[in-house]
Amino acid sequence: MSKAFEDATERANAVHEGGSRWVPVAAAVLAVLAAVSGFLANVRATQALIAKNDSIVATTRASDTYNEYQAERLKFVIVESALEAGTAPAASAEKLRATAAREAVKAPPLMKLAQSFEHRADELDVKSEHLLSQHETIEIASTLFEVSIVLVSISALVGSRLLPIAAGVASAVGALAFALGLLR
């Protein structure tokens, strides 16, 4: 018999005698880690999209409120200009003063509201970027787990001692990336 045939027979006997029973268990554990990390990466991506959408809505509300503020200020300036010109009759002047007083009171709360919308939009934008960063890191972990599954599976077929070590390193790096993605 040839040396290659003897080696193949020896590996086959080792598999049948339980020598590589760790392979299906390792592959199953890695598959679960890949599935969980893939799921959590998708959750983070969805959360990032929702936060970005909410940021856009808050930005739109801020813009609308700033526009309303500017309209109120414009009314105030027009009324003040008409009063300063002194061309309005006395009855109209009283009406203009009342309008100016109303417009002067409306503007400051509108400005504060617009600023609060703008601040909320900024917060949501930062949250979206953070979640997207987590998504990307967790996706790297998921990919490393999937690579580890392939390496473990191939090691059972070829009997290499290097492939399980490479799979272990890829799994460890994947676990580290997964933890970093969840904790940052």
C-alpha atoms as a PDB file:
ATOM      1  CA  MET A   1       0.000   0.000   0.000  1.00  0.00           C
ATOM      2  CA  SER A   2       1.034   3.553  -0.638  1.00  0.00           C
ATOM      3  CA  LYS A   3       1.760   6.099   2.093  1.00  0.00           C
ATOM      4  CA  ALA A   4      -1.111   8.405   0.962  1.00  0.00           C
ATOM      5  CA  PHE A   5      -3.588   5.522   1.084  1.00  0.00           C
ATOM      6  CA  GLU A   6      -2.434   4.546   4.579  1.00  0.00           C
ATOM      7  CA  ASP A   7      -2.803   8.159   5.775  1.00  0.00           C
ATOM      8  CA  ALA A   8      -6.308   8.424   4.306  1.00  0.00           C
ATOM      9  CA  THR A   9      -7.313   5.121   5.880  1.00  0.00           C
ATOM     10  CA  GLU A  10      -5.913   6.235   9.226  1.00  0.00           C
ATOM     11  CA  ARG A  11      -7.880   9.514   9.103  1.00  0.00           C
ATOM     12  CA  ALA A  12     -11.077   7.701   8.133  1.00  0.00           C
ATOM     13  CA  ASN A  13     -10.653   5.273  11.025  1.00  0.00           C
ATOM     14  CA  ALA A  14     -10.006   8.156  13.418  1.00  0.00           C
ATOM     15  CA  VAL A  15     -13.242   9.833  12.298  1.00  0.00           C
ATOM     16  CA  HIS A  16     -15.219   6.626  12.737  1.00  0.00           C
ATOM     17  CA  GLU A  17     -13.697   6.051  16.168  1.00  0.00           C
ATOM     18  CA  GLY A  18     -14.768   9.502  17.328  1.00  0.00           C
ATOM     19  CA  GLY A  19     -11.488  11.298  16.704  1.00  0.00           C
ATOM     20  CA  SER A  20     -13.200  14.304  15.075  1.00  0.00           C
ATOM     21  CA  ARG A  21     -16.432  14.531  17.002  1.00  0.00           C
ATOM     22  CA  TRP A  22     -15.514  18.063  18.013  1.00  0.00           C
ATOM     23  CA  VAL A  23     -15.963  19.246  14.418  1.00  0.00           C
ATOM     24  CA  PRO A  24     -19.782  19.131  14.266  1.00  0.00           C
ATOM     25  CA  VAL A  25     -20.052  20.611  17.761  1.00  0.00           C
ATOM     26  CA  ALA A  26     -17.636  23.424  16.914  1.00  0.00           C
ATOM     27  CA  ALA A  27     -19.416  24.082  13.625  1.00  0.00           C
ATOM     28  CA  ALA A  28     -22.784  24.188  15.403  1.00  0.00           C
ATOM     29  CA  VAL A  29     -21.538  26.600  18.081  1.00  0.00           C
ATOM     30  CA  LEU A  30     -19.984  28.820  15.439  1.00  0.00           C
ATOM     31  CA  ALA A  31     -23.195  28.703  13.383  1.00  0.00           C
ATOM     32  CA  VAL A  32     -25.187  29.877  16.408  1.00  0.00           C
ATOM     33  CA  LEU A  33     -22.700  32.708  17.022  1.00  0.00           C
ATOM     34  CA  ALA A  34     -22.870  33.687  13.351  1.00  0.00           C
ATOM     35  CA  ALA A  35     -26.679  33.670  13.424  1.00  0.00           C
ATOM     36  CA  VAL A  36     -26.913  35.701  16.636  1.00  0.00           C
ATOM     37  CA  SER A  37     -24.331  38.230  15.493  1.00  0.00           C
ATOM     38  CA  GLY A  38     -26.019  38.522  12.092  1.00  0.00           C
ATOM     39  CA  PHE A  39     -29.369  39.131  13.773  1.00  0.00           C
ATOM     40  CA  LEU A  40     -27.957  41.766  16.126  1.00  0.00           C
ATOM     41  CA  ALA A  41     -26.146  43.476  13.240  1.00  0.00           C
ATOM     42  CA  ASN A  42     -29.472  43.736  11.410  1.00  0.00           C
ATOM     43  CA  VAL A  43     -31.151  45.095  14.545  1.00  0.00           C
ATOM     44  CA  ARG A  44     -28.466  47.795  14.817  1.00  0.00           C
ATOM     45  CA  ALA A  45     -28.856  48.672  11.132  1.00  0.00           C
ATOM     46  CA  THR A  46     -32.625  49.017  11.553  1.00  0.00           C
ATOM     47  CA  GLN A  47     -32.181  51.156  14.660  1.00  0.00           C
ATOM     48  CA  ALA A  48     -29.682  53.351  12.787  1.00  0.00           C
ATOM     49  CA  LEU A  49     -32.172  53.879   9.961  1.00  0.00           C
ATOM     50  CA  ILE A  50     -34.959  54.732  12.389  1.00  0.00           C
ATOM     51  CA  ALA A  51     -32.745  57.230  14.232  1.00  0.00           C
ATOM     52  CA  LYS A  52     -31.669  58.804  10.928  1.00  0.00           C
ATOM     53  CA  ASN A  53     -35.315  59.072   9.842  1.00  0.00           C
ATOM     54  CA  ASP A  54     -36.275  60.674  13.161  1.00  0.00           C
ATOM     55  CA  SER A  55     -33.354  63.085  12.753  1.00  0.00           C
ATOM     56  CA  ILE A  56     -34.641  64.110   9.330  1.00  0.00           C
ATOM     57  CA  VAL A  57     -38.138  64.644  10.748  1.00  0.00           C
ATOM     58  CA  ALA A  58     -36.737  66.784  13.585  1.00  0.00           C
ATOM     59  CA  THR A  59     -34.669  68.792  11.078  1.00  0.00           C
ATOM     60  CA  THR A  60     -37.794  69.406   9.006  1.00  0.00           C
ATOM     61  CA  ARG A  61     -39.716  70.512  12.078  1.00  0.00           C
ATOM     62  CA  ALA A  62     -36.874  72.849  13.035  1.00  0.00           C
ATOM     63  CA  SER A  63     -36.868  74.327   9.542  1.00  0.00           C
ATOM     64  CA  ASP A  64     -40.641  74.800   9.577  1.00  0.00           C
ATOM     65  CA  THR A  65     -40.490  76.432  13.004  1.00  0.00           C
ATOM     66  CA  TYR A  66     -37.640  78.744  11.936  1.00  0.00           C
ATOM     67  CA  ASN A  67     -39.747  79.741   8.925  1.00  0.00           C
ATOM     68  CA  GLU A  68     -42.694  80.474  11.181  1.00  0.00           C
ATOM     69  CA  TYR A  69     -40.425  82.511  13.464  1.00  0.00           C
ATOM     70  CA  GLN A  70     -39.155  84.521  10.503  1.00  0.00           C
ATOM     71  CA  ALA A  71     -42.709  85.158   9.294  1.00  0.00           C
ATOM     72  CA  GLU A  72     -43.689  86.423  12.746  1.00  0.00           C
ATOM     73  CA  ARG A  73     -40.615  88.648  12.903  1.00  0.00           C
ATOM     74  CA  LEU A  74     -41.362  89.987   9.432  1.00  0.00           C
ATOM     75  CA  LYS A  75     -44.894  90.916  10.502  1.00  0.00           C
ATOM     76  CA  PHE A  76     -43.461  92.628  13.579  1.00  0.00           C
ATOM     77  CA  VAL A  77     -40.943  94.641  11.536  1.00  0.00           C
ATOM     78  CA  ILE A  78     -43.609  95.710   9.021  1.00  0.00           C
ATOM     79  CA  VAL A  79     -45.956  96.829  11.783  1.00  0.00           C
ATOM     80  CA  GLU A  80     -43.143  98.642  13.620  1.00  0.00           C
ATOM     81  CA  SER A  81     -42.138 100.385  10.378  1.00  0.00           C
ATOM     82  CA  ALA A  82     -45.712 101.505   9.763  1.00  0.00           C
ATOM     83  CA  LEU A  83     -45.934 102.858  13.325  1.00  0.00           C
ATOM     84  CA  GLU A  84     -42.601 104.673  13.032  1.00  0.00           C
ATOM     85  CA  ALA A  85     -43.644 106.227   9.723  1.00  0.00           C
ATOM     86  CA  GLY A  86     -46.636 107.699  11.527  1.00  0.00           C
ATOM     87  CA  THR A  87     -48.832 107.665   8.465  1.00  0.00           C
ATOM     88  CA  ALA A  88     -51.625 105.569   9.944  1.00  0.00           C
ATOM     89  CA  PRO A  89     -54.739 107.201  11.452  1.00  0.00           C
ATOM     90  CA  ALA A  90     -55.046 107.029  15.266  1.00  0.00           C
ATOM     91  CA  ALA A  91     -57.540 104.128  15.202  1.00  0.00           C
ATOM     92  CA  SER A  92     -55.273 102.141  12.893  1.00  0.00           C
ATOM     93  CA  ALA A  93     -52.214 103.013  14.971  1.00  0.00           C
ATOM     94  CA  GLU A  94     -53.798 101.443  18.071  1.00  0.00           C
ATOM     95  CA  LYS A  95     -54.564  98.302  16.076  1.00  0.00           C
ATOM     96  CA  LEU A  96     -51.000  98.239  14.755  1.00  0.00           C
ATOM     97  CA  ARG A  97     -49.568  98.561  18.280  1.00  0.00           C
ATOM     98  CA  ALA A  98     -51.706  95.611  19.451  1.00  0.00           C
ATOM     99  CA  THR A  99     -50.500  93.576  16.467  1.00  0.00           C
ATOM    100  CA  ALA A 100     -46.870  94.513  17.199  1.00  0.00           C
ATOM    101  CA  ALA A 101     -47.269  93.479  20.844  1.00  0.00           C
ATOM    102  CA  ARG A 102     -48.767  90.099  19.814  1.00  0.00           C
ATOM    103  CA  GLU A 103     -46.018  89.458  17.268  1.00  0.00           C
ATOM    104  CA  ALA A 104     -43.291  90.413  19.770  1.00  0.00           C
ATOM    105  CA  VAL A 105     -44.627  87.801  22.229  1.00  0.00           C
ATOM    106  CA  LYS A 106     -44.962  85.005  19.643  1.00  0.00           C
ATOM    107  CA  ALA A 107     -41.391  85.060  18.342  1.00  0.00           C
ATOM    108  CA  PRO A 108     -39.204  84.002  21.325  1.00  0.00           C
ATOM    109  CA  PRO A 109     -41.069  80.729  22.046  1.00  0.00           C
ATOM    110  CA  LEU A 110     -40.899  79.857  18.345  1.00  0.00           C
ATOM    111  CA  MET A 111     -37.144  80.387  18.347  1.00  0.00           C
ATOM    112  CA  LYS A 112     -36.730  78.147  21.420  1.00  0.00           C
ATOM    113  CA  LEU A 113     -38.890  75.463  19.847  1.00  0.00           C
ATOM    114  CA  ALA A 114     -36.921  75.568  16.593  1.00  0.00           C
ATOM    115  CA  GLN A 115     -33.664  75.297  18.527  1.00  0.00           C
ATOM    116  CA  SER A 116     -34.967  72.326  20.502  1.00  0.00           C
ATOM    117  CA  PHE A 117     -35.935  70.554  17.260  1.00  0.00           C
ATOM    118  CA  GLU A 118     -32.491  71.295  15.873  1.00  0.00           C
ATOM    119  CA  HIS A 119     -30.815  69.972  19.032  1.00  0.00           C
ATOM    120  CA  ARG A 120     -32.941  66.791  18.901  1.00  0.00           C
ATOM    121  CA  ALA A 121     -32.012  66.290  15.233  1.00  0.00           C
ATOM    122  CA  ASP A 122     -28.316  66.540  16.121  1.00  0.00           C
ATOM    123  CA  GLU A 123     -28.717  64.009  18.949  1.00  0.00           C
ATOM    124  CA  LEU A 124     -30.528  61.553  16.680  1.00  0.00           C
ATOM    125  CA  ASP A 125     -27.916  61.965  13.971  1.00  0.00           C
ATOM    126  CA  VAL A 126     -25.141  61.095  16.448  1.00  0.00           C
ATOM    127  CA  LYS A 127     -27.178  58.099  17.663  1.00  0.00           C
ATOM    128  CA  SER A 128     -27.641  56.904  14.090  1.00  0.00           C
ATOM    129  CA  GLU A 129     -23.901  57.112  13.386  1.00  0.00           C
ATOM    130  CA  HIS A 130     -23.144  55.227  16.604  1.00  0.00           C
ATOM    131  CA  LEU A 131     -25.590  52.437  15.766  1.00  0.00           C
ATOM    132  CA  LEU A 132     -24.244  52.190  12.232  1.00  0.00           C
ATOM    133  CA  SER A 133     -20.721  51.836  13.611  1.00  0.00           C
ATOM    134  CA  GLN A 134     -21.916  49.038  15.910  1.00  0.00           C
ATOM    135  CA  HIS A 135     -23.628  47.361  12.947  1.00  0.00           C
ATOM    136  CA  GLU A 136     -20.420  47.389  10.922  1.00  0.00           C
ATOM    137  CA  THR A 137     -18.326  45.928  13.756  1.00  0.00           C
ATOM    138  CA  ILE A 138     -20.855  43.185  14.476  1.00  0.00           C
ATOM    139  CA  GLU A 139     -21.009  42.346  10.749  1.00  0.00           C
ATOM    140  CA  ILE A 140     -17.237  41.806  10.807  1.00  0.00           C
ATOM    141  CA  ALA A 141     -17.708  39.404  13.723  1.00  0.00           C
ATOM    142  CA  SER A 142     -20.440  37.557  11.872  1.00  0.00           C
ATOM    143  CA  THR A 143     -18.197  37.155   8.834  1.00  0.00           C
ATOM    144  CA  LEU A 144     -15.343  35.855  10.981  1.00  0.00           C
ATOM    145  CA  PHE A 145     -17.662  33.273  12.569  1.00  0.00           C
ATOM    146  CA  GLU A 146     -18.759  32.123   9.119  1.00  0.00           C
ATOM    147  CA  VAL A 147     -15.133  31.825   7.979  1.00  0.00           C
ATOM    148  CA  SER A 148     -14.420  29.785  11.114  1.00  0.00           C
ATOM    149  CA  ILE A 149     -17.249  27.387  10.247  1.00  0.00           C
ATOM    150  CA  VAL A 150     -15.712  26.796   6.830  1.00  0.00           C
ATOM    151  CA  LEU A 151     -12.228  26.282   8.276  1.00  0.00           C
ATOM    152  CA  VAL A 152     -13.473  23.813  10.894  1.00  0.00           C
ATOM    153  CA  SER A 153     -15.465  21.898   8.278  1.00  0.00           C
ATOM    154  CA  ILE A 154     -12.531  21.694   5.875  1.00  0.00           C
ATOM    155  CA  SER A 155     -10.203  20.565   8.667  1.00  0.00           C
ATOM    156  CA  ALA A 156     -12.392  17.485   9.168  1.00  0.00           C
ATOM    157  CA  LEU A 157     -12.027  16.595   5.505  1.00  0.00           C
ATOM    158  CA  VAL A 158      -8.309  17.160   5.072  1.00  0.00           C
ATOM    159  CA  GLY A 159      -7.106  16.309   8.573  1.00  0.00           C
ATOM    160  CA  SER A 160      -5.028  19.457   8.875  1.00  0.00           C
ATOM    161  CA  ARG A 161      -3.933  20.636  12.302  1.00  0.00           C
ATOM    162  CA  LEU A 162      -3.394  24.185  11.079  1.00  0.00           C
ATOM    163  CA  LEU A 163      -7.001  24.824   9.969  1.00  0.00           C
ATOM    164  CA  PRO A 164      -8.556  24.327  13.432  1.00  0.00           C
ATOM    165  CA  ILE A 165      -5.976  26.738  14.847  1.00  0.00           C
ATOM    166  CA  ALA A 166      -6.843  29.278  12.141  1.00  0.00           C
ATOM    167  CA  ALA A 167     -10.529  28.706  12.886  1.00  0.00           C
ATOM    168  CA  GLY A 168      -9.877  29.270  16.580  1.00  0.00           C
ATOM    169  CA  VAL A 169      -8.023  32.515  15.890  1.00  0.00           C
ATOM    170  CA  ALA A 170     -10.778  33.732  13.545  1.00  0.00           C
ATOM    171  CA  SER A 171     -13.399  32.794  16.167  1.00  0.00           C
ATOM    172  CA  ALA A 172     -11.513  34.613  18.920  1.00  0.00           C
ATOM    173  CA  VAL A 173     -11.147  37.739  16.794  1.00  0.00           C
ATOM    174  CA  GLY A 174     -14.833  37.406  15.846  1.00  0.00           C
ATOM    175  CA  ALA A 175     -15.832  37.136  19.525  1.00  0.00           C
ATOM    176  CA  LEU A 176     -13.752  40.210  20.336  1.00  0.00           C
ATOM    177  CA  ALA A 177     -15.296  42.178  17.471  1.00  0.00           C
ATOM    178  CA  PHE A 178     -18.764  41.008  18.532  1.00  0.00           C
ATOM    179  CA  ALA A 179     -18.191  42.180  22.113  1.00  0.00           C
ATOM    180  CA  LEU A 180     -16.767  45.516  20.927  1.00  0.00           C
ATOM    181  CA  GLY A 181     -19.726  46.007  18.596  1.00  0.00           C
ATOM    182  CA  LEU A 182     -22.184  45.439  21.410  1.00  0.00           C
ATOM    183  CA  LEU A 183     -20.387  47.461  24.076  1.00  0.00           C
ATOM    184  CA  ARG A 184     -19.252  50.580  22.291  1.00  0.00           C
END
